[in-house]
N, C-alpha and C. Protein backbone atom coordinates (compact mmCIF):
# COMPACT_ATOMS: atom_id res chain seq x y z
N MET A 1 0.85 -1.18 0.00
CA MET A 1 0.00 0.00 0.00
C MET A 1 0.90 1.25 0.00
N LEU A 2 0.54 2.22 -0.81
CA LEU A 2 1.32 3.46 -0.89
C LEU A 2 0.93 4.42 0.21
N ASN A 3 1.92 5.03 0.80
CA ASN A 3 1.65 6.10 1.76
C ASN A 3 1.36 7.36 0.98
N ALA A 4 0.67 8.31 1.58
CA ALA A 4 0.30 9.55 0.89
C ALA A 4 1.50 10.25 0.25
N PRO A 5 2.67 10.37 0.92
CA PRO A 5 3.81 11.04 0.28
C PRO A 5 4.32 10.30 -0.95
N ASP A 6 4.10 8.97 -1.04
CA ASP A 6 4.57 8.18 -2.16
C ASP A 6 3.55 8.13 -3.31
N ALA A 7 2.33 8.56 -3.05
CA ALA A 7 1.28 8.49 -4.06
C ALA A 7 1.54 9.49 -5.16
N SER A 8 1.10 9.14 -6.37
CA SER A 8 1.23 10.07 -7.49
C SER A 8 0.21 11.20 -7.34
N SER A 9 0.45 12.28 -8.06
CA SER A 9 -0.42 13.44 -8.00
C SER A 9 -1.80 13.11 -8.56
N THR A 10 -2.83 13.67 -7.96
CA THR A 10 -4.20 13.50 -8.48
C THR A 10 -4.48 14.49 -9.62
N ARG A 11 -3.67 15.53 -9.75
CA ARG A 11 -3.92 16.59 -10.74
C ARG A 11 -4.12 16.05 -12.16
N PRO A 12 -3.23 15.21 -12.72
CA PRO A 12 -3.46 14.76 -14.10
C PRO A 12 -4.73 13.94 -14.27
N TYR A 13 -5.11 13.18 -13.24
CA TYR A 13 -6.31 12.37 -13.31
C TYR A 13 -7.56 13.25 -13.29
N LEU A 14 -7.52 14.29 -12.47
CA LEU A 14 -8.65 15.21 -12.40
C LEU A 14 -8.77 16.03 -13.69
N ILE A 15 -7.64 16.42 -14.26
CA ILE A 15 -7.66 17.15 -15.54
C ILE A 15 -8.29 16.27 -16.62
N ARG A 16 -7.86 15.02 -16.71
CA ARG A 16 -8.42 14.12 -17.71
C ARG A 16 -9.92 13.90 -17.49
N ALA A 17 -10.32 13.73 -16.24
CA ALA A 17 -11.73 13.49 -15.94
C ALA A 17 -12.59 14.70 -16.32
N LEU A 18 -12.14 15.90 -15.98
CA LEU A 18 -12.91 17.09 -16.31
C LEU A 18 -12.88 17.38 -17.81
N HIS A 19 -11.79 17.07 -18.48
CA HIS A 19 -11.73 17.22 -19.93
C HIS A 19 -12.76 16.29 -20.57
N GLU A 20 -12.83 15.05 -20.10
CA GLU A 20 -13.80 14.09 -20.62
C GLU A 20 -15.22 14.54 -20.34
N TRP A 21 -15.47 15.06 -19.13
CA TRP A 21 -16.80 15.54 -18.77
C TRP A 21 -17.23 16.68 -19.68
N CYS A 22 -16.32 17.64 -19.91
CA CYS A 22 -16.63 18.76 -20.81
C CYS A 22 -16.98 18.23 -22.20
N THR A 23 -16.15 17.36 -22.72
CA THR A 23 -16.33 16.82 -24.07
C THR A 23 -17.64 16.05 -24.17
N ASP A 24 -17.93 15.18 -23.21
CA ASP A 24 -19.15 14.38 -23.22
C ASP A 24 -20.41 15.24 -23.17
N ASN A 25 -20.32 16.41 -22.53
CA ASN A 25 -21.48 17.28 -22.37
C ASN A 25 -21.54 18.41 -23.40
N GLY A 26 -20.66 18.36 -24.40
CA GLY A 26 -20.69 19.36 -25.46
C GLY A 26 -20.11 20.71 -25.06
N PHE A 27 -19.32 20.74 -23.98
CA PHE A 27 -18.69 21.98 -23.54
C PHE A 27 -17.27 22.08 -24.09
N THR A 28 -16.72 23.28 -24.05
CA THR A 28 -15.36 23.53 -24.51
C THR A 28 -14.43 23.59 -23.31
N PRO A 29 -13.53 22.60 -23.16
CA PRO A 29 -12.61 22.63 -22.00
C PRO A 29 -11.49 23.65 -22.21
N TYR A 30 -11.25 24.47 -21.20
CA TYR A 30 -10.16 25.44 -21.18
C TYR A 30 -9.27 25.11 -20.00
N VAL A 31 -7.96 25.32 -20.15
CA VAL A 31 -7.04 25.19 -19.03
C VAL A 31 -6.34 26.53 -18.82
N ALA A 32 -6.25 26.94 -17.56
CA ALA A 32 -5.47 28.12 -17.18
C ALA A 32 -4.10 27.61 -16.76
N VAL A 33 -3.04 28.24 -17.29
CA VAL A 33 -1.67 27.76 -17.06
C VAL A 33 -0.81 28.89 -16.51
N LEU A 34 -0.06 28.60 -15.46
CA LEU A 34 0.94 29.51 -14.92
C LEU A 34 2.22 29.30 -15.71
N VAL A 35 2.62 30.30 -16.49
CA VAL A 35 3.72 30.15 -17.43
C VAL A 35 5.07 30.43 -16.76
N ASP A 36 6.03 29.54 -17.02
CA ASP A 36 7.42 29.76 -16.66
C ASP A 36 8.27 29.15 -17.77
N GLU A 37 9.57 28.98 -17.54
CA GLU A 37 10.47 28.48 -18.59
C GLU A 37 10.17 27.03 -18.99
N SER A 38 9.43 26.29 -18.19
CA SER A 38 9.11 24.90 -18.51
C SER A 38 7.89 24.75 -19.42
N VAL A 39 7.16 25.83 -19.63
CA VAL A 39 5.94 25.81 -20.44
C VAL A 39 6.26 26.26 -21.85
N GLN A 40 5.85 25.47 -22.84
CA GLN A 40 6.08 25.84 -24.24
C GLN A 40 4.76 26.27 -24.86
N VAL A 41 4.53 27.59 -24.90
CA VAL A 41 3.35 28.20 -25.50
C VAL A 41 3.80 29.46 -26.24
N PRO A 42 2.98 29.99 -27.14
CA PRO A 42 3.35 31.25 -27.80
C PRO A 42 3.36 32.38 -26.76
N MET A 43 4.54 32.89 -26.46
CA MET A 43 4.69 33.88 -25.39
C MET A 43 3.93 35.18 -25.68
N GLU A 44 3.64 35.47 -26.94
CA GLU A 44 2.92 36.70 -27.26
C GLU A 44 1.47 36.66 -26.77
N TYR A 45 0.98 35.48 -26.38
CA TYR A 45 -0.38 35.36 -25.85
C TYR A 45 -0.41 35.26 -24.32
N VAL A 46 0.74 35.30 -23.69
CA VAL A 46 0.83 35.22 -22.23
C VAL A 46 0.55 36.60 -21.65
N LYS A 47 -0.34 36.64 -20.66
CA LYS A 47 -0.68 37.90 -19.98
C LYS A 47 -0.54 37.68 -18.48
N ASN A 48 0.20 38.56 -17.83
CA ASN A 48 0.41 38.47 -16.38
C ASN A 48 0.93 37.11 -15.96
N GLY A 49 1.79 36.51 -16.79
CA GLY A 49 2.40 35.23 -16.46
C GLY A 49 1.47 34.04 -16.60
N GLU A 50 0.30 34.23 -17.22
CA GLU A 50 -0.65 33.15 -17.39
C GLU A 50 -1.17 33.12 -18.82
N ILE A 51 -1.66 31.96 -19.22
CA ILE A 51 -2.32 31.80 -20.51
C ILE A 51 -3.47 30.82 -20.30
N VAL A 52 -4.57 31.06 -21.00
CA VAL A 52 -5.69 30.15 -20.97
C VAL A 52 -5.82 29.54 -22.36
N LEU A 53 -5.85 28.22 -22.41
CA LEU A 53 -5.84 27.49 -23.68
C LEU A 53 -7.12 26.69 -23.87
N ASN A 54 -7.64 26.76 -25.08
CA ASN A 54 -8.76 25.92 -25.48
C ASN A 54 -8.18 24.54 -25.77
N VAL A 55 -8.54 23.55 -24.99
CA VAL A 55 -8.00 22.20 -25.16
C VAL A 55 -9.06 21.22 -25.67
N SER A 56 -10.03 21.74 -26.43
CA SER A 56 -11.02 20.86 -27.03
C SER A 56 -10.38 20.10 -28.17
N TYR A 57 -10.98 18.99 -28.54
CA TYR A 57 -10.47 18.21 -29.66
C TYR A 57 -10.60 18.99 -30.97
N ASP A 58 -11.59 19.87 -31.07
CA ASP A 58 -11.76 20.70 -32.27
C ASP A 58 -10.63 21.72 -32.44
N ALA A 59 -10.05 22.17 -31.35
CA ALA A 59 -9.02 23.22 -31.40
C ALA A 59 -7.60 22.69 -31.34
N THR A 60 -7.46 21.38 -31.12
CA THR A 60 -6.13 20.80 -30.96
C THR A 60 -5.94 19.62 -31.89
N GLY A 61 -4.70 19.26 -32.10
CA GLY A 61 -4.37 18.06 -32.87
C GLY A 61 -3.36 17.25 -32.11
N GLY A 62 -3.51 15.94 -32.15
CA GLY A 62 -2.55 15.05 -31.51
C GLY A 62 -2.41 15.26 -30.02
N MET A 63 -3.51 15.55 -29.32
CA MET A 63 -3.41 15.86 -27.90
C MET A 63 -3.14 14.63 -27.05
N THR A 64 -2.23 14.79 -26.10
CA THR A 64 -1.92 13.79 -25.10
C THR A 64 -2.08 14.44 -23.73
N LEU A 65 -2.97 13.89 -22.92
CA LEU A 65 -3.15 14.36 -21.54
C LEU A 65 -2.43 13.35 -20.64
N GLY A 66 -1.13 13.52 -20.51
CA GLY A 66 -0.31 12.58 -19.75
C GLY A 66 -0.24 12.92 -18.28
N ASN A 67 0.48 12.08 -17.53
CA ASN A 67 0.65 12.34 -16.09
C ASN A 67 1.62 13.47 -15.81
N GLU A 68 2.56 13.72 -16.71
CA GLU A 68 3.55 14.78 -16.51
C GLU A 68 3.32 16.00 -17.39
N PHE A 69 2.82 15.79 -18.62
CA PHE A 69 2.67 16.88 -19.57
C PHE A 69 1.35 16.79 -20.33
N ILE A 70 0.83 17.95 -20.72
CA ILE A 70 -0.25 18.05 -21.70
C ILE A 70 0.43 18.53 -22.96
N GLU A 71 0.29 17.76 -24.05
CA GLU A 71 0.96 18.10 -25.30
C GLU A 71 -0.05 18.07 -26.44
N PHE A 72 0.02 19.07 -27.33
CA PHE A 72 -0.84 19.10 -28.51
C PHE A 72 -0.32 20.14 -29.50
N LYS A 73 -0.91 20.12 -30.67
CA LYS A 73 -0.65 21.13 -31.69
C LYS A 73 -1.89 21.99 -31.79
N ALA A 74 -1.71 23.30 -31.95
CA ALA A 74 -2.83 24.23 -32.09
C ALA A 74 -2.41 25.39 -32.97
N ARG A 75 -3.38 26.08 -33.50
CA ARG A 75 -3.11 27.25 -34.34
C ARG A 75 -3.36 28.51 -33.53
N PHE A 76 -2.41 29.41 -33.61
CA PHE A 76 -2.52 30.73 -33.00
C PHE A 76 -2.36 31.72 -34.13
N GLY A 77 -3.41 32.49 -34.41
CA GLY A 77 -3.35 33.43 -35.52
C GLY A 77 -3.09 32.73 -36.84
N GLY A 78 -3.58 31.50 -36.99
CA GLY A 78 -3.40 30.73 -38.21
C GLY A 78 -2.07 30.02 -38.33
N VAL A 79 -1.18 30.21 -37.35
CA VAL A 79 0.15 29.59 -37.38
C VAL A 79 0.15 28.36 -36.47
N PRO A 80 0.49 27.17 -37.02
CA PRO A 80 0.52 25.97 -36.17
C PRO A 80 1.66 26.04 -35.16
N ARG A 81 1.37 25.64 -33.92
CA ARG A 81 2.36 25.65 -32.84
C ARG A 81 2.30 24.35 -32.07
N GLU A 82 3.44 23.94 -31.54
CA GLU A 82 3.55 22.78 -30.66
C GLU A 82 3.44 23.30 -29.22
N ILE A 83 2.47 22.80 -28.46
CA ILE A 83 2.24 23.25 -27.09
C ILE A 83 2.61 22.13 -26.14
N ILE A 84 3.40 22.47 -25.12
CA ILE A 84 3.77 21.51 -24.07
C ILE A 84 3.59 22.21 -22.72
N VAL A 85 2.72 21.65 -21.89
CA VAL A 85 2.43 22.24 -20.59
C VAL A 85 2.65 21.19 -19.51
N PRO A 86 3.59 21.41 -18.60
CA PRO A 86 3.70 20.50 -17.46
C PRO A 86 2.40 20.52 -16.65
N VAL A 87 1.90 19.36 -16.29
CA VAL A 87 0.65 19.25 -15.54
C VAL A 87 0.73 20.08 -14.26
N SER A 88 1.90 20.17 -13.66
CA SER A 88 2.05 20.93 -12.41
C SER A 88 1.81 22.43 -12.60
N ARG A 89 1.83 22.93 -13.84
CA ARG A 89 1.63 24.36 -14.12
C ARG A 89 0.17 24.69 -14.43
N VAL A 90 -0.71 23.66 -14.47
CA VAL A 90 -2.13 23.90 -14.73
C VAL A 90 -2.77 24.42 -13.45
N LEU A 91 -3.37 25.61 -13.55
CA LEU A 91 -4.03 26.22 -12.41
C LEU A 91 -5.51 25.86 -12.32
N ALA A 92 -6.14 25.60 -13.48
CA ALA A 92 -7.57 25.29 -13.49
C ALA A 92 -7.94 24.65 -14.82
N ILE A 93 -9.01 23.88 -14.79
CA ILE A 93 -9.67 23.39 -16.00
C ILE A 93 -11.15 23.64 -15.80
N TYR A 94 -11.81 24.18 -16.85
CA TYR A 94 -13.21 24.53 -16.72
C TYR A 94 -13.88 24.55 -18.09
N ALA A 95 -15.21 24.51 -18.08
CA ALA A 95 -16.00 24.59 -19.30
C ALA A 95 -16.22 26.07 -19.63
N ARG A 96 -15.89 26.45 -20.86
CA ARG A 96 -16.05 27.85 -21.28
C ARG A 96 -17.50 28.30 -21.16
N GLU A 97 -18.42 27.44 -21.51
CA GLU A 97 -19.83 27.82 -21.59
C GLU A 97 -20.48 28.12 -20.25
N ASN A 98 -20.08 27.43 -19.19
CA ASN A 98 -20.73 27.66 -17.90
C ASN A 98 -19.74 27.84 -16.75
N GLY A 99 -18.45 27.73 -17.01
CA GLY A 99 -17.44 27.97 -15.98
C GLY A 99 -17.27 26.85 -14.98
N GLN A 100 -18.03 25.76 -15.11
CA GLN A 100 -17.88 24.67 -14.15
C GLN A 100 -16.54 23.99 -14.35
N GLY A 101 -15.86 23.74 -13.25
CA GLY A 101 -14.56 23.12 -13.34
C GLY A 101 -13.87 23.03 -12.01
N MET A 102 -12.55 23.04 -12.05
CA MET A 102 -11.75 22.88 -10.84
C MET A 102 -10.51 23.74 -10.92
N ALA A 103 -10.22 24.41 -9.81
CA ALA A 103 -8.97 25.16 -9.67
C ALA A 103 -8.03 24.35 -8.79
N PHE A 104 -6.75 24.45 -9.09
CA PHE A 104 -5.73 23.73 -8.34
C PHE A 104 -4.85 24.72 -7.58
N PRO A 105 -4.21 24.28 -6.51
CA PRO A 105 -3.28 25.16 -5.80
C PRO A 105 -2.14 25.58 -6.72
N MET A 106 -1.67 26.80 -6.54
CA MET A 106 -0.54 27.27 -7.32
C MET A 106 0.70 26.48 -6.93
N PRO A 107 1.59 26.22 -7.90
CA PRO A 107 2.84 25.53 -7.55
C PRO A 107 3.62 26.34 -6.51
N VAL A 108 4.15 25.63 -5.52
CA VAL A 108 4.92 26.27 -4.46
C VAL A 108 6.33 25.73 -4.51
N ALA A 109 7.31 26.62 -4.57
CA ALA A 109 8.72 26.20 -4.60
C ALA A 109 9.05 25.44 -3.32
N GLY A 110 9.73 24.30 -3.48
CA GLY A 110 10.17 23.54 -2.32
C GLY A 110 9.19 22.47 -1.88
N LYS A 111 7.94 22.51 -2.39
CA LYS A 111 6.97 21.47 -2.04
C LYS A 111 6.88 20.49 -3.19
N SER A 112 6.64 19.24 -2.84
CA SER A 112 6.50 18.23 -3.89
C SER A 112 5.17 18.41 -4.59
N GLU A 113 5.14 18.06 -5.87
CA GLU A 113 3.91 18.17 -6.67
C GLU A 113 2.80 17.33 -6.06
N ALA A 114 3.12 16.13 -5.56
CA ALA A 114 2.09 15.26 -5.02
C ALA A 114 1.40 15.89 -3.82
N SER A 115 2.14 16.56 -2.94
CA SER A 115 1.52 17.15 -1.76
C SER A 115 0.71 18.38 -2.11
N VAL A 116 1.13 19.14 -3.11
CA VAL A 116 0.39 20.34 -3.51
C VAL A 116 -0.86 19.94 -4.28
N ALA A 117 -0.76 18.99 -5.19
CA ALA A 117 -1.88 18.63 -6.05
C ALA A 117 -2.90 17.72 -5.37
N ALA A 118 -2.56 17.19 -4.23
CA ALA A 118 -3.46 16.25 -3.59
C ALA A 118 -4.70 16.92 -3.01
N THR A 119 -4.69 18.24 -2.89
CA THR A 119 -5.82 18.94 -2.30
C THR A 119 -6.35 20.01 -3.24
N PRO A 120 -7.03 19.62 -4.32
CA PRO A 120 -7.57 20.61 -5.25
C PRO A 120 -8.76 21.34 -4.63
N THR A 121 -9.03 22.52 -5.15
CA THR A 121 -10.18 23.29 -4.74
C THR A 121 -11.28 23.04 -5.76
N VAL A 122 -12.41 22.53 -5.32
CA VAL A 122 -13.50 22.20 -6.23
C VAL A 122 -14.56 23.28 -6.12
N ALA A 123 -15.08 23.72 -7.27
CA ALA A 123 -16.16 24.70 -7.27
C ALA A 123 -16.98 24.53 -8.53
N ALA A 124 -18.28 24.54 -8.38
CA ALA A 124 -19.17 24.57 -9.55
C ALA A 124 -19.58 26.02 -9.70
N THR A 125 -19.26 26.61 -10.84
CA THR A 125 -19.46 28.03 -11.01
C THR A 125 -20.13 28.36 -12.32
N THR A 126 -20.45 29.62 -12.46
CA THR A 126 -20.96 30.11 -13.72
C THR A 126 -19.84 30.71 -14.53
N ARG A 127 -18.93 31.44 -13.93
CA ARG A 127 -17.78 32.02 -14.61
C ARG A 127 -16.56 31.95 -13.71
N PRO A 128 -15.43 31.45 -14.22
CA PRO A 128 -14.22 31.43 -13.40
C PRO A 128 -13.62 32.83 -13.33
N SER A 129 -12.86 33.06 -12.31
CA SER A 129 -12.15 34.31 -12.18
C SER A 129 -10.69 34.05 -12.45
N LEU A 130 -10.24 34.32 -13.68
CA LEU A 130 -8.87 34.07 -14.09
C LEU A 130 -8.28 35.36 -14.62
N SER A 131 -6.98 35.54 -14.45
CA SER A 131 -6.39 36.82 -14.81
C SER A 131 -6.05 36.97 -16.28
N ALA A 132 -5.96 35.89 -17.05
CA ALA A 132 -5.65 36.00 -18.47
C ALA A 132 -6.45 34.97 -19.23
N VAL A 133 -7.03 35.38 -20.33
CA VAL A 133 -7.84 34.46 -21.11
C VAL A 133 -7.47 34.59 -22.57
N GLU A 134 -7.07 33.49 -23.17
CA GLU A 134 -6.77 33.48 -24.61
C GLU A 134 -7.12 32.10 -25.13
N SER A 135 -7.74 32.07 -26.26
CA SER A 135 -8.16 30.81 -26.87
C SER A 135 -7.15 30.38 -27.91
N SER A 136 -6.93 29.07 -28.00
CA SER A 136 -6.07 28.56 -29.06
C SER A 136 -6.91 28.17 -30.26
N HIS A 137 -8.20 28.44 -30.20
CA HIS A 137 -9.11 28.10 -31.28
C HIS A 137 -8.83 28.97 -32.50
N GLU A 138 -8.76 28.35 -33.68
CA GLU A 138 -8.38 29.07 -34.91
C GLU A 138 -9.37 30.18 -35.24
N ALA A 139 -10.66 29.91 -35.23
CA ALA A 139 -11.64 30.95 -35.50
C ALA A 139 -11.91 31.67 -34.20
N HIS A 140 -11.62 32.93 -34.14
CA HIS A 140 -11.65 33.67 -32.89
C HIS A 140 -12.60 34.85 -33.01
N ASP A 141 -13.81 34.70 -32.50
CA ASP A 141 -14.79 35.79 -32.54
C ASP A 141 -14.72 36.57 -31.24
N SER A 142 -14.78 37.89 -31.33
CA SER A 142 -14.64 38.72 -30.12
C SER A 142 -15.79 38.50 -29.15
N ASP A 143 -17.01 38.21 -29.64
CA ASP A 143 -18.12 37.98 -28.73
C ASP A 143 -18.09 36.57 -28.14
N ASP A 144 -17.18 35.73 -28.59
CA ASP A 144 -17.05 34.36 -28.13
C ASP A 144 -15.95 34.21 -27.09
N GLU A 145 -15.28 35.32 -26.73
CA GLU A 145 -14.16 35.26 -25.81
C GLU A 145 -14.63 35.05 -24.39
N PRO A 146 -13.89 34.31 -23.60
CA PRO A 146 -14.18 34.20 -22.17
C PRO A 146 -13.92 35.55 -21.50
N PRO A 147 -14.44 35.74 -20.30
CA PRO A 147 -14.26 37.02 -19.61
C PRO A 147 -12.81 37.25 -19.20
N HIS A 148 -12.49 38.52 -18.89
CA HIS A 148 -11.16 38.90 -18.39
C HIS A 148 -11.32 39.38 -16.95
N PRO A 149 -11.62 38.47 -16.02
CA PRO A 149 -11.82 38.86 -14.63
C PRO A 149 -10.52 39.19 -13.91
N THR A 150 -10.67 39.67 -12.70
CA THR A 150 -9.53 40.10 -11.89
C THR A 150 -9.18 39.02 -10.88
N PRO A 151 -7.88 38.67 -10.73
CA PRO A 151 -7.51 37.66 -9.74
C PRO A 151 -7.59 38.22 -8.33
N GLN A 152 -7.79 37.32 -7.37
CA GLN A 152 -7.79 37.71 -5.96
C GLN A 152 -6.55 37.13 -5.32
N ASN A 153 -5.80 37.93 -4.62
CA ASN A 153 -4.56 37.50 -3.95
C ASN A 153 -3.56 36.91 -4.94
N GLY A 154 -3.60 37.35 -6.18
CA GLY A 154 -2.65 36.88 -7.18
C GLY A 154 -2.89 35.46 -7.66
N ARG A 155 -4.01 34.86 -7.29
CA ARG A 155 -4.30 33.47 -7.63
C ARG A 155 -5.65 33.39 -8.32
N PRO A 156 -5.76 32.62 -9.40
CA PRO A 156 -7.07 32.46 -10.03
C PRO A 156 -8.03 31.79 -9.08
N THR A 157 -9.29 32.19 -9.14
CA THR A 157 -10.30 31.59 -8.31
C THR A 157 -11.53 31.32 -9.14
N LEU A 158 -12.31 30.36 -8.70
CA LEU A 158 -13.59 30.10 -9.30
C LEU A 158 -14.64 30.59 -8.31
N THR A 159 -15.63 31.34 -8.80
CA THR A 159 -16.61 31.94 -7.94
C THR A 159 -18.00 31.46 -8.35
N ARG A 160 -18.80 31.05 -7.39
CA ARG A 160 -20.17 30.61 -7.69
C ARG A 160 -21.06 31.83 -7.91
N VAL A 161 -21.75 31.82 -9.03
CA VAL A 161 -22.71 32.88 -9.34
C VAL A 161 -24.04 32.23 -9.66
N LYS A 162 -25.09 32.65 -8.97
CA LYS A 162 -26.43 32.04 -9.20
C LYS A 162 -27.29 32.97 -9.99
């Protein structure tokens, strides 16, 4: 039997489950990512150190939702790009249409990924509160953009709105 410190992170499993839930229900899954040197995304779309990516099957090609990395090809401004996101840098996954999803604790220097990711924050919401929103979807309509809310305490949050 594995002890909690030896257990693998729950984050990749929860990301895959919520991605599947979004897809099965006809929603568009988005991931909010805290960008650093380990994240391979078009830096011109990064705002305030974060990027939000459309990770639907319609907007991506060759997607792999692995335990360590999320990898896919997507078009930004019509230009194909290779995207690689360490799972530990994912701050949230949610449905664009209704904001339902899950936010994860921000990575903390010096703490193991398993201990940080083992306690996700769950919220069913109408709109997430994220500091940067950008779609990797090729057709980009301005009225189709997710909101540009303000972060609280420097961390993305999901807020319930009835």
